[in-house]
Structure formats: structure tokens, C-alpha cells
Amino acid sequence: PMVDRLRLTPGIIATLQEGCLQLASMADIIGEISGMREQPSGIRVGQM
């Protein structure tokens, strides 16, 4: 079973390729701001 974990079969390579392409097609979440709410003081607070 441990040797099996070492193998880079064509199927595994294809899955790695698909994973890269899937990531590339996903929206970039870096810099996303959520939960922006105005406080009684007038400031607006959210999370990036």
C-alpha cells in the first residue's frame, strides 16, 4: 500500500492536470471583503 502511494500513473497525472485547471477557473477570493456593516459611530467594519 505504501508503494502504491508512490506511483505517478497516467490517471494520477490527469487528475493533477484537472485540479490545476479547475483552480484556474475558480474565482479569486483574495481581497474579498465580506460582512461590511456600519456602526453607530459611522465607521464601517468588515473582513477581508
ModelCIF file with pLDDT and N, C-alpha, C, O atoms, coordinates in Angstrom:
data_MODEL
#
_entry.id   MODEL 
#
_entity.id                         1 
_entity.type                       polymer 
_entity.pdbx_number_of_molecules   1 
#
_entity_poly.entity_id                      1 
_entity_poly.type                           'polypeptide(L)' 
_entity_poly.nstd_linkage                   no 
_entity_poly.nstd_monomer                   no 
_entity_poly.pdbx_seq_one_letter_code       PMVDRLRLTPGIIATLQEGCLQLASMADIIGEISGMREQPSGIRVGQM 
_entity_poly.pdbx_seq_one_letter_code_can   PMVDRLRLTPGIIATLQEGCLQLASMADIIGEISGMREQPSGIRVGQM 
_entity_poly.pdbx_strand_id                 A 
#
loop_
_entity_poly_seq.entity_id 
_entity_poly_seq.num 
_entity_poly_seq.mon_id 
_entity_poly_seq.hetero 
1 1  PRO n 
1 2  MET n 
1 3  VAL n 
1 4  ASP n 
1 5  ARG n 
1 6  LEU n 
1 7  ARG n 
1 8  LEU n 
1 9  THR n 
1 10 PRO n 
1 11 GLY n 
1 12 ILE n 
1 13 ILE n 
1 14 ALA n 
1 15 THR n 
1 16 LEU n 
1 17 GLN n 
1 18 GLU n 
1 19 GLY n 
1 20 CYS n 
1 21 LEU n 
1 22 GLN n 
1 23 LEU n 
1 24 ALA n 
1 25 SER n 
1 26 MET n 
1 27 ALA n 
1 28 ASP n 
1 29 ILE n 
1 30 ILE n 
1 31 GLY n 
1 32 GLU n 
1 33 ILE n 
1 34 SER n 
1 35 GLY n 
1 36 MET n 
1 37 ARG n 
1 38 GLU n 
1 39 GLN n 
1 40 PRO n 
1 41 SER n 
1 42 GLY n 
1 43 ILE n 
1 44 ARG n 
1 45 VAL n 
1 46 GLY n 
1 47 GLN n 
1 48 MET n 
#
_struct_asym.id          A 
_struct_asym.entity_id   1 
#
loop_
_ma_qa_metric.id 
_ma_qa_metric.mode 
_ma_qa_metric.name 
_ma_qa_metric.software_group_id 
_ma_qa_metric.type 
1 global pLDDT . pLDDT 
2 local  pLDDT . pLDDT 
#
_ma_qa_metric_global.metric_id      1 
_ma_qa_metric_global.metric_value   93.83 
_ma_qa_metric_global.model_id       1 
_ma_qa_metric_global.ordinal_id     1 
#
loop_
_ma_qa_metric_local.label_asym_id 
_ma_qa_metric_local.label_comp_id 
_ma_qa_metric_local.label_seq_id 
_ma_qa_metric_local.metric_id 
_ma_qa_metric_local.metric_value 
_ma_qa_metric_local.model_id 
_ma_qa_metric_local.ordinal_id 
A PRO 1  2 76.00 1 1  
A MET 2  2 81.00 1 2  
A VAL 3  2 90.00 1 3  
A ASP 4  2 87.00 1 4  
A ARG 5  2 86.00 1 5  
A LEU 6  2 93.00 1 6  
A ARG 7  2 94.00 1 7  
A LEU 8  2 95.00 1 8  
A THR 9  2 94.00 1 9  
A PRO 10 2 94.00 1 10 
A GLY 11 2 94.00 1 11 
A ILE 12 2 94.00 1 12 
A ILE 13 2 96.00 1 13 
A ALA 14 2 95.00 1 14 
A THR 15 2 91.00 1 15 
A LEU 16 2 94.00 1 16 
A GLN 17 2 95.00 1 17 
A GLU 18 2 93.00 1 18 
A GLY 19 2 90.00 1 19 
A CYS 20 2 94.00 1 20 
A LEU 21 2 94.00 1 21 
A GLN 22 2 91.00 1 22 
A LEU 23 2 93.00 1 23 
A ALA 24 2 96.00 1 24 
A SER 25 2 95.00 1 25 
A MET 26 2 93.00 1 26 
A ALA 27 2 94.00 1 27 
A ASP 28 2 95.00 1 28 
A ILE 29 2 95.00 1 29 
A ILE 30 2 96.00 1 30 
A GLY 31 2 95.00 1 31 
A GLU 32 2 96.00 1 32 
A ILE 33 2 96.00 1 33 
A SER 34 2 96.00 1 34 
A GLY 35 2 96.00 1 35 
A MET 36 2 96.00 1 36 
A ARG 37 2 97.00 1 37 
A GLU 38 2 97.00 1 38 
A GLN 39 2 97.00 1 39 
A PRO 40 2 96.00 1 40 
A SER 41 2 96.00 1 41 
A GLY 42 2 96.00 1 42 
A ILE 43 2 97.00 1 43 
A ARG 44 2 97.00 1 44 
A VAL 45 2 97.00 1 45 
A GLY 46 2 97.00 1 46 
A GLN 47 2 97.00 1 47 
A MET 48 2 97.00 1 48 
#
loop_
_atom_site.group_PDB 
_atom_site.id 
_atom_site.type_symbol 
_atom_site.label_atom_id 
_atom_site.label_alt_id 
_atom_site.label_comp_id 
_atom_site.label_asym_id 
_atom_site.label_entity_id 
_atom_site.label_seq_id 
_atom_site.pdbx_PDB_ins_code 
_atom_site.Cartn_x 
_atom_site.Cartn_y 
_atom_site.Cartn_z 
_atom_site.occupancy 
_atom_site.B_iso_or_equiv 
_atom_site.pdbx_formal_charge 
_atom_site.auth_seq_id 
_atom_site.auth_comp_id 
_atom_site.auth_asym_id 
_atom_site.auth_atom_id 
_atom_site.pdbx_PDB_model_num 
ATOM 1   N N  . PRO A 1 1  ? 0.810   -1.225 0.000   1.00 76.00 ? 1  PRO A N  1 
ATOM 2   C CA . PRO A 1 1  ? 0.000   0.000  0.000   1.00 76.00 ? 1  PRO A CA 1 
ATOM 3   C C  . PRO A 1 1  ? 0.840   1.271  0.000   1.00 76.00 ? 1  PRO A C  1 
ATOM 4   O O  . PRO A 1 1  ? 0.438   2.280  -0.579  1.00 76.00 ? 1  PRO A O  1 
ATOM 5   N N  . MET A 1 2  ? 2.014   1.230  0.650   1.00 81.00 ? 2  MET A N  1 
ATOM 6   C CA . MET A 1 2  ? 2.888   2.395  0.672   1.00 81.00 ? 2  MET A CA 1 
ATOM 7   C C  . MET A 1 2  ? 3.562   2.611  -0.681  1.00 81.00 ? 2  MET A C  1 
ATOM 8   O O  . MET A 1 2  ? 3.745   3.748  -1.115  1.00 81.00 ? 2  MET A O  1 
ATOM 9   N N  . VAL A 1 3  ? 3.930   1.517  -1.341  1.00 90.00 ? 3  VAL A N  1 
ATOM 10  C CA . VAL A 1 3  ? 4.481   1.629  -2.696  1.00 90.00 ? 3  VAL A CA 1 
ATOM 11  C C  . VAL A 1 3  ? 3.424   2.207  -3.636  1.00 90.00 ? 3  VAL A C  1 
ATOM 12  O O  . VAL A 1 3  ? 3.728   3.026  -4.503  1.00 90.00 ? 3  VAL A O  1 
ATOM 13  N N  . ASP A 1 4  ? 2.194   1.772  -3.452  1.00 87.00 ? 4  ASP A N  1 
ATOM 14  C CA . ASP A 1 4  ? 1.092   2.263  -4.271  1.00 87.00 ? 4  ASP A CA 1 
ATOM 15  C C  . ASP A 1 4  ? 0.962   3.782  -4.173  1.00 87.00 ? 4  ASP A C  1 
ATOM 16  O O  . ASP A 1 4  ? 0.634   4.445  -5.157  1.00 87.00 ? 4  ASP A O  1 
ATOM 17  N N  . ARG A 1 5  ? 1.217   4.327  -2.991  1.00 86.00 ? 5  ARG A N  1 
ATOM 18  C CA . ARG A 1 5  ? 1.125   5.765  -2.796  1.00 86.00 ? 5  ARG A CA 1 
ATOM 19  C C  . ARG A 1 5  ? 2.196   6.533  -3.579  1.00 86.00 ? 5  ARG A C  1 
ATOM 20  O O  . ARG A 1 5  ? 2.042   7.726  -3.840  1.00 86.00 ? 5  ARG A O  1 
ATOM 21  N N  . LEU A 1 6  ? 3.262   5.854  -3.944  1.00 93.00 ? 6  LEU A N  1 
ATOM 22  C CA . LEU A 1 6  ? 4.362   6.499  -4.659  1.00 93.00 ? 6  LEU A CA 1 
ATOM 23  C C  . LEU A 1 6  ? 4.098   6.675  -6.147  1.00 93.00 ? 6  LEU A C  1 
ATOM 24  O O  . LEU A 1 6  ? 4.707   7.533  -6.786  1.00 93.00 ? 6  LEU A O  1 
ATOM 25  N N  . ARG A 1 7  ? 3.212   5.885  -6.696  1.00 94.00 ? 7  ARG A N  1 
ATOM 26  C CA . ARG A 1 7  ? 3.085   5.794  -8.152  1.00 94.00 ? 7  ARG A CA 1 
ATOM 27  C C  . ARG A 1 7  ? 2.445   7.042  -8.761  1.00 94.00 ? 7  ARG A C  1 
ATOM 28  O O  . ARG A 1 7  ? 1.436   7.554  -8.274  1.00 94.00 ? 7  ARG A O  1 
ATOM 29  N N  . LEU A 1 8  ? 3.071   7.513  -9.845  1.00 95.00 ? 8  LEU A N  1 
ATOM 30  C CA . LEU A 1 8  ? 2.503   8.596  -10.652 1.00 95.00 ? 8  LEU A CA 1 
ATOM 31  C C  . LEU A 1 8  ? 1.976   7.987  -11.937 1.00 95.00 ? 8  LEU A C  1 
ATOM 32  O O  . LEU A 1 8  ? 2.653   8.007  -12.965 1.00 95.00 ? 8  LEU A O  1 
ATOM 33  N N  . THR A 1 9  ? 0.777   7.451  -11.880 1.00 94.00 ? 9  THR A N  1 
ATOM 34  C CA . THR A 1 9  ? 0.175   6.811  -13.047 1.00 94.00 ? 9  THR A CA 1 
ATOM 35  C C  . THR A 1 9  ? -0.377  7.879  -13.991 1.00 94.00 ? 9  THR A C  1 
ATOM 36  O O  . THR A 1 9  ? -0.565  9.023  -13.577 1.00 94.00 ? 9  THR A O  1 
ATOM 37  N N  . PRO A 1 10 ? -0.641  7.523  -15.259 1.00 94.00 ? 10 PRO A N  1 
ATOM 38  C CA . PRO A 1 10 ? -1.277  8.489  -16.164 1.00 94.00 ? 10 PRO A CA 1 
ATOM 39  C C  . PRO A 1 10 ? -2.578  9.041  -15.600 1.00 94.00 ? 10 PRO A C  1 
ATOM 40  O O  . PRO A 1 10 ? -2.899  10.212 -15.803 1.00 94.00 ? 10 PRO A O  1 
ATOM 41  N N  . GLY A 1 11 ? -3.337  8.193  -14.884 1.00 94.00 ? 11 GLY A N  1 
ATOM 42  C CA . GLY A 1 11 ? -4.583  8.656  -14.276 1.00 94.00 ? 11 GLY A CA 1 
ATOM 43  C C  . GLY A 1 11 ? -4.345  9.708  -13.215 1.00 94.00 ? 11 GLY A C  1 
ATOM 44  O O  . GLY A 1 11 ? -5.090  10.685 -13.128 1.00 94.00 ? 11 GLY A O  1 
ATOM 45  N N  . ILE A 1 12 ? -3.310  9.520  -12.403 1.00 94.00 ? 12 ILE A N  1 
ATOM 46  C CA . ILE A 1 12 ? -2.983  10.493 -11.364 1.00 94.00 ? 12 ILE A CA 1 
ATOM 47  C C  . ILE A 1 12 ? -2.523  11.804 -11.993 1.00 94.00 ? 12 ILE A C  1 
ATOM 48  O O  . ILE A 1 12 ? -2.918  12.881 -11.547 1.00 94.00 ? 12 ILE A O  1 
ATOM 49  N N  . ILE A 1 13 ? -1.699  11.715 -13.017 1.00 96.00 ? 13 ILE A N  1 
ATOM 50  C CA . ILE A 1 13 ? -1.246  12.927 -13.716 1.00 96.00 ? 13 ILE A CA 1 
ATOM 51  C C  . ILE A 1 13 ? -2.437  13.681 -14.302 1.00 96.00 ? 13 ILE A C  1 
ATOM 52  O O  . ILE A 1 13 ? -2.514  14.905 -14.195 1.00 96.00 ? 13 ILE A O  1 
ATOM 53  N N  . ALA A 1 14 ? -3.365  12.950 -14.919 1.00 95.00 ? 14 ALA A N  1 
ATOM 54  C CA . ALA A 1 14 ? -4.551  13.577 -15.500 1.00 95.00 ? 14 ALA A CA 1 
ATOM 55  C C  . ALA A 1 14 ? -5.378  14.273 -14.423 1.00 95.00 ? 14 ALA A C  1 
ATOM 56  O O  . ALA A 1 14 ? -5.905  15.362 -14.651 1.00 95.00 ? 14 ALA A O  1 
ATOM 57  N N  . THR A 1 15 ? -5.493  13.645 -13.244 1.00 91.00 ? 15 THR A N  1 
ATOM 58  C CA . THR A 1 15 ? -6.224  14.255 -12.140 1.00 91.00 ? 15 THR A CA 1 
ATOM 59  C C  . THR A 1 15 ? -5.531  15.524 -11.660 1.00 91.00 ? 15 THR A C  1 
ATOM 60  O O  . THR A 1 15 ? -6.199  16.512 -11.353 1.00 91.00 ? 15 THR A O  1 
ATOM 61  N N  . LEU A 1 16 ? -4.213  15.511 -11.592 1.00 94.00 ? 16 LEU A N  1 
ATOM 62  C CA . LEU A 1 16 ? -3.466  16.702 -11.205 1.00 94.00 ? 16 LEU A CA 1 
ATOM 63  C C  . LEU A 1 16 ? -3.670  17.832 -12.211 1.00 94.00 ? 16 LEU A C  1 
ATOM 64  O O  . LEU A 1 16 ? -3.834  18.990 -11.828 1.00 94.00 ? 16 LEU A O  1 
ATOM 65  N N  . GLN A 1 17 ? -3.659  17.490 -13.494 1.00 95.00 ? 17 GLN A N  1 
ATOM 66  C CA . GLN A 1 17 ? -3.917  18.494 -14.527 1.00 95.00 ? 17 GLN A CA 1 
ATOM 67  C C  . GLN A 1 17 ? -5.300  19.102 -14.354 1.00 95.00 ? 17 GLN A C  1 
ATOM 68  O O  . GLN A 1 17 ? -5.470  20.320 -14.394 1.00 95.00 ? 17 GLN A O  1 
ATOM 69  N N  . GLU A 1 18 ? -6.282  18.232 -14.162 1.00 93.00 ? 18 GLU A N  1 
ATOM 70  C CA . GLU A 1 18 ? -7.659  18.708 -13.997 1.00 93.00 ? 18 GLU A CA 1 
ATOM 71  C C  . GLU A 1 18 ? -7.785  19.599 -12.771 1.00 93.00 ? 18 GLU A C  1 
ATOM 72  O O  . GLU A 1 18 ? -8.497  20.604 -12.798 1.00 93.00 ? 18 GLU A O  1 
ATOM 73  N N  . GLY A 1 19 ? -7.088  19.228 -11.686 1.00 90.00 ? 19 GLY A N  1 
ATOM 74  C CA . GLY A 1 19 ? -7.117  20.045 -10.481 1.00 90.00 ? 19 GLY A CA 1 
ATOM 75  C C  . GLY A 1 19 ? -6.553  21.439 -10.721 1.00 90.00 ? 19 GLY A C  1 
ATOM 76  O O  . GLY A 1 19 ? -7.111  22.425 -10.239 1.00 90.00 ? 19 GLY A O  1 
ATOM 77  N N  . CYS A 1 20 ? -5.454  21.528 -11.459 1.00 94.00 ? 20 CYS A N  1 
ATOM 78  C CA . CYS A 1 20 ? -4.868  22.824 -11.790 1.00 94.00 ? 20 CYS A CA 1 
ATOM 79  C C  . CYS A 1 20 ? -5.831  23.671 -12.614 1.00 94.00 ? 20 CYS A C  1 
ATOM 80  O O  . CYS A 1 20 ? -6.016  24.858 -12.343 1.00 94.00 ? 20 CYS A O  1 
ATOM 81  N N  . LEU A 1 21 ? -6.441  23.055 -13.616 1.00 94.00 ? 21 LEU A N  1 
ATOM 82  C CA . LEU A 1 21 ? -7.377  23.781 -14.478 1.00 94.00 ? 21 LEU A CA 1 
ATOM 83  C C  . LEU A 1 21 ? -8.627  24.192 -13.718 1.00 94.00 ? 21 LEU A C  1 
ATOM 84  O O  . LEU A 1 21 ? -9.170  25.274 -13.939 1.00 94.00 ? 21 LEU A O  1 
ATOM 85  N N  . GLN A 1 22 ? -9.080  23.325 -12.823 1.00 91.00 ? 22 GLN A N  1 
ATOM 86  C CA . GLN A 1 22 ? -10.239 23.654 -12.002 1.00 91.00 ? 22 GLN A CA 1 
ATOM 87  C C  . GLN A 1 22 ? -9.940  24.860 -11.122 1.00 91.00 ? 22 GLN A C  1 
ATOM 88  O O  . GLN A 1 22 ? -10.769 25.761 -10.992 1.00 91.00 ? 22 GLN A O  1 
ATOM 89  N N  . LEU A 1 23 ? -8.760  24.874 -10.521 1.00 93.00 ? 23 LEU A N  1 
ATOM 90  C CA . LEU A 1 23 ? -8.368  26.026 -9.708  1.00 93.00 ? 23 LEU A CA 1 
ATOM 91  C C  . LEU A 1 23 ? -8.293  27.291 -10.546 1.00 93.00 ? 23 LEU A C  1 
ATOM 92  O O  . LEU A 1 23 ? -8.741  28.351 -10.112 1.00 93.00 ? 23 LEU A O  1 
ATOM 93  N N  . ALA A 1 24 ? -7.731  27.188 -11.738 1.00 96.00 ? 24 ALA A N  1 
ATOM 94  C CA . ALA A 1 24 ? -7.594  28.355 -12.611 1.00 96.00 ? 24 ALA A CA 1 
ATOM 95  C C  . ALA A 1 24 ? -8.946  28.945 -12.993 1.00 96.00 ? 24 ALA A C  1 
ATOM 96  O O  . ALA A 1 24 ? -9.058  30.150 -13.219 1.00 96.00 ? 24 ALA A O  1 
ATOM 97  N N  . SER A 1 25 ? -9.960  28.107 -13.063 1.00 95.00 ? 25 SER A N  1 
ATOM 98  C CA . SER A 1 25 ? -11.286 28.568 -13.462 1.00 95.00 ? 25 SER A CA 1 
ATOM 99  C C  . SER A 1 25 ? -12.091 29.145 -12.300 1.00 95.00 ? 25 SER A C  1 
ATOM 100 O O  . SER A 1 25 ? -13.130 29.770 -12.513 1.00 95.00 ? 25 SER A O  1 
ATOM 101 N N  . MET A 1 26 ? -11.618 28.939 -11.083 1.00 93.00 ? 26 MET A N  1 
ATOM 102 C CA . MET A 1 26 ? -12.345 29.409 -9.911  1.00 93.00 ? 26 MET A CA 1 
ATOM 103 C C  . MET A 1 26 ? -12.089 30.890 -9.661  1.00 93.00 ? 26 MET A C  1 
ATOM 104 O O  . MET A 1 26 ? -11.037 31.425 -10.011 1.00 93.00 ? 26 MET A O  1 
ATOM 105 N N  . ALA A 1 27 ? -13.069 31.535 -9.053  1.00 94.00 ? 27 ALA A N  1 
ATOM 106 C CA . ALA A 1 27 ? -12.929 32.952 -8.722  1.00 94.00 ? 27 ALA A CA 1 
ATOM 107 C C  . ALA A 1 27 ? -11.796 33.150 -7.720  1.00 94.00 ? 27 ALA A C  1 
ATOM 108 O O  . ALA A 1 27 ? -11.561 32.297 -6.864  1.00 94.00 ? 27 ALA A O  1 
ATOM 109 N N  . ASP A 1 28 ? -11.107 34.262 -7.828  1.00 95.00 ? 28 ASP A N  1 
ATOM 110 C CA . ASP A 1 28 ? -10.045 34.607 -6.892  1.00 95.00 ? 28 ASP A CA 1 
ATOM 111 C C  . ASP A 1 28 ? -10.682 35.233 -5.656  1.00 95.00 ? 28 ASP A C  1 
ATOM 112 O O  . ASP A 1 28 ? -11.378 36.243 -5.755  1.00 95.00 ? 28 ASP A O  1 
ATOM 113 N N  . ILE A 1 29 ? -10.443 34.628 -4.487  1.00 95.00 ? 29 ILE A N  1 
ATOM 114 C CA . ILE A 1 29 ? -11.080 35.118 -3.264  1.00 95.00 ? 29 ILE A CA 1 
ATOM 115 C C  . ILE A 1 29 ? -10.192 36.086 -2.487  1.00 95.00 ? 29 ILE A C  1 
ATOM 116 O O  . ILE A 1 29 ? -10.634 36.684 -1.506  1.00 95.00 ? 29 ILE A O  1 
ATOM 117 N N  . ILE A 1 30 ? -8.949  36.241 -2.920  1.00 96.00 ? 30 ILE A N  1 
ATOM 118 C CA . ILE A 1 30 ? -8.035  37.140 -2.210  1.00 96.00 ? 30 ILE A CA 1 
ATOM 119 C C  . ILE A 1 30 ? -8.494  38.589 -2.393  1.00 96.00 ? 30 ILE A C  1 
ATOM 120 O O  . ILE A 1 30 ? -8.758  39.032 -3.511  1.00 96.00 ? 30 ILE A O  1 
ATOM 121 N N  . GLY A 1 31 ? -8.583  39.312 -1.288  1.00 95.00 ? 31 GLY A N  1 
ATOM 122 C CA . GLY A 1 31 ? -9.048  40.699 -1.314  1.00 95.00 ? 31 GLY A CA 1 
ATOM 123 C C  . GLY A 1 31 ? -10.542 40.844 -1.178  1.00 95.00 ? 31 GLY A C  1 
ATOM 124 O O  . GLY A 1 31 ? -11.053 41.962 -1.100  1.00 95.00 ? 31 GLY A O  1 
ATOM 125 N N  . GLU A 1 32 ? -11.255 39.728 -1.149  1.00 96.00 ? 32 GLU A N  1 
ATOM 126 C CA . GLU A 1 32 ? -12.711 39.752 -1.000  1.00 96.00 ? 32 GLU A CA 1 
ATOM 127 C C  . GLU A 1 32 ? -13.081 40.318 0.367   1.00 96.00 ? 32 GLU A C  1 
ATOM 128 O O  . GLU A 1 32 ? -12.515 39.911 1.382   1.00 96.00 ? 32 GLU A O  1 
ATOM 129 N N  . ILE A 1 33 ? -14.030 41.259 0.398   1.00 96.00 ? 33 ILE A N  1 
ATOM 130 C CA . ILE A 1 33 ? -14.488 41.853 1.652   1.00 96.00 ? 33 ILE A CA 1 
ATOM 131 C C  . ILE A 1 33 ? -15.922 41.395 1.910   1.00 96.00 ? 33 ILE A C  1 
ATOM 132 O O  . ILE A 1 33 ? -16.786 41.501 1.040   1.00 96.00 ? 33 ILE A O  1 
ATOM 133 N N  . SER A 1 34 ? -16.157 40.889 3.108   1.00 96.00 ? 34 SER A N  1 
ATOM 134 C CA . SER A 1 34 ? -17.486 40.390 3.453   1.00 96.00 ? 34 SER A CA 1 
ATOM 135 C C  . SER A 1 34 ? -17.941 40.980 4.779   1.00 96.00 ? 34 SER A C  1 
ATOM 136 O O  . SER A 1 34 ? -17.142 41.455 5.585   1.00 96.00 ? 34 SER A O  1 
ATOM 137 N N  . GLY A 1 35 ? -19.254 40.931 4.973   1.00 96.00 ? 35 GLY A N  1 
ATOM 138 C CA . GLY A 1 35 ? -19.838 41.339 6.250   1.00 96.00 ? 35 GLY A CA 1 
ATOM 139 C C  . GLY A 1 35 ? -19.703 42.800 6.595   1.00 96.00 ? 35 GLY A C  1 
ATOM 140 O O  . GLY A 1 35 ? -19.712 43.158 7.772   1.00 96.00 ? 35 GLY A O  1 
ATOM 141 N N  . MET A 1 36 ? -19.578 43.661 5.589   1.00 96.00 ? 36 MET A N  1 
ATOM 142 C CA . MET A 1 36 ? -19.400 45.085 5.856   1.00 96.00 ? 36 MET A CA 1 
ATOM 143 C C  . MET A 1 36 ? -20.669 45.655 6.510   1.00 96.00 ? 36 MET A C  1 
ATOM 144 O O  . MET A 1 36 ? -21.759 45.581 5.943   1.00 96.00 ? 36 MET A O  1 
ATOM 145 N N  . ARG A 1 37 ? -20.504 46.222 7.706   1.00 97.00 ? 37 ARG A N  1 
ATOM 146 C CA . ARG A 1 37 ? -21.634 46.785 8.447   1.00 97.00 ? 37 ARG A CA 1 
ATOM 147 C C  . ARG A 1 37 ? -21.256 48.152 9.018   1.00 97.00 ? 37 ARG A C  1 
ATOM 148 O O  . ARG A 1 37 ? -20.139 48.358 9.494   1.00 97.00 ? 37 ARG A O  1 
ATOM 149 N N  . GLU A 1 38 ? -22.219 49.084 8.960   1.00 97.00 ? 38 GLU A N  1 
ATOM 150 C CA . GLU A 1 38 ? -21.984 50.406 9.532   1.00 97.00 ? 38 GLU A CA 1 
ATOM 151 C C  . GLU A 1 38 ? -22.305 50.390 11.021  1.00 97.00 ? 38 GLU A C  1 
ATOM 152 O O  . GLU A 1 38 ? -23.342 49.875 11.440  1.00 97.00 ? 38 GLU A O  1 
ATOM 153 N N  . GLN A 1 39 ? -21.397 50.963 11.817  1.00 97.00 ? 39 GLN A N  1 
ATOM 154 C CA . GLN A 1 39 ? -21.561 51.025 13.252  1.00 97.00 ? 39 GLN A CA 1 
ATOM 155 C C  . GLN A 1 39 ? -22.160 52.371 13.668  1.00 97.00 ? 39 GLN A C  1 
ATOM 156 O O  . GLN A 1 39 ? -22.138 53.327 12.892  1.00 97.00 ? 39 GLN A O  1 
ATOM 157 N N  . PRO A 1 40 ? -22.698 52.447 14.893  1.00 96.00 ? 40 PRO A N  1 
ATOM 158 C CA . PRO A 1 40 ? -23.294 53.718 15.342  1.00 96.00 ? 40 PRO A CA 1 
ATOM 159 C C  . PRO A 1 40 ? -22.334 54.898 15.258  1.00 96.00 ? 40 PRO A C  1 
ATOM 160 O O  . PRO A 1 40 ? -22.767 56.040 15.105  1.00 96.00 ? 40 PRO A O  1 
ATOM 161 N N  . SER A 1 41 ? -21.033 54.631 15.357  1.00 96.00 ? 41 SER A N  1 
ATOM 162 C CA . SER A 1 41 ? -20.044 55.714 15.281  1.00 96.00 ? 41 SER A CA 1 
ATOM 163 C C  . SER A 1 41 ? -19.897 56.269 13.877  1.00 96.00 ? 41 SER A C  1 
ATOM 164 O O  . SER A 1 41 ? -19.323 57.343 13.695  1.00 96.00 ? 41 SER A O  1 
ATOM 165 N N  . GLY A 1 42 ? -20.409 55.554 12.877  1.00 96.00 ? 42 GLY A N  1 
ATOM 166 C CA . GLY A 1 42 ? -20.277 55.969 11.488  1.00 96.00 ? 42 GLY A CA 1 
ATOM 167 C C  . GLY A 1 42 ? -19.259 55.156 10.704  1.00 96.00 ? 42 GLY A C  1 
ATOM 168 O O  . GLY A 1 42 ? -19.294 55.153 9.473   1.00 96.00 ? 42 GLY A O  1 
ATOM 169 N N  . ILE A 1 43 ? -18.340 54.456 11.400  1.00 97.00 ? 43 ILE A N  1 
ATOM 170 C CA . ILE A 1 43 ? -17.360 53.634 10.696  1.00 97.00 ? 43 ILE A CA 1 
ATOM 171 C C  . ILE A 1 43 ? -18.044 52.393 10.135  1.00 97.00 ? 43 ILE A C  1 
ATOM 172 O O  . ILE A 1 43 ? -19.063 51.943 10.660  1.00 97.00 ? 43 ILE A O  1 
ATOM 173 N N  . ARG A 1 44 ? -17.479 51.848 9.070   1.00 97.00 ? 44 ARG A N  1 
ATOM 174 C CA . ARG A 1 44 ? -17.953 50.600 8.510   1.00 97.00 ? 44 ARG A CA 1 
ATOM 175 C C  . ARG A 1 44 ? -16.891 49.531 8.731   1.00 97.00 ? 44 ARG A C  1 
ATOM 176 O O  . ARG A 1 44 ? -15.713 49.749 8.446   1.00 97.00 ? 44 ARG A O  1 
ATOM 177 N N  . VAL A 1 45 ? -17.313 48.368 9.244   1.00 97.00 ? 45 VAL A N  1 
ATOM 178 C CA . VAL A 1 45 ? -16.398 47.292 9.631   1.00 97.00 ? 45 VAL A CA 1 
ATOM 179 C C  . VAL A 1 45 ? -16.731 46.028 8.838   1.00 97.00 ? 45 VAL A C  1 
ATOM 180 O O  . VAL A 1 45 ? -17.887 45.610 8.776   1.00 97.00 ? 45 VAL A O  1 
ATOM 181 N N  . GLY A 1 46 ? -15.721 45.434 8.242   1.00 97.00 ? 46 GLY A N  1 
ATOM 182 C CA . GLY A 1 46 ? -15.895 44.175 7.510   1.00 97.00 ? 46 GLY A CA 1 
ATOM 183 C C  . GLY A 1 46 ? -14.648 43.325 7.641   1.00 97.00 ? 46 GLY A C  1 
ATOM 184 O O  . GLY A 1 46 ? -13.744 43.644 8.413   1.00 97.00 ? 46 GLY A O  1 
ATOM 185 N N  . GLN A 1 47 ? -14.604 42.244 6.883   1.00 97.00 ? 47 GLN A N  1 
ATOM 186 C CA . GLN A 1 47 ? -13.455 41.352 6.907   1.00 97.00 ? 47 GLN A CA 1 
ATOM 187 C C  . GLN A 1 47 ? -12.954 41.093 5.494   1.00 97.00 ? 47 GLN A C  1 
ATOM 188 O O  . GLN A 1 47 ? -13.736 40.839 4.578   1.00 97.00 ? 47 GLN A O  1 
ATOM 189 N N  . MET A 1 48 ? -11.641 41.161 5.336   1.00 97.00 ? 48 MET A N  1 
ATOM 190 C CA . MET A 1 48 ? -11.002 40.920 4.044   1.00 97.00 ? 48 MET A CA 1 
ATOM 191 C C  . MET A 1 48 ? -10.237 39.601 4.092   1.00 97.00 ? 48 MET A C  1 
ATOM 192 O O  . MET A 1 48 ? -9.622  39.207 3.101   1.00 97.00 ? 48 MET A O  1 
#
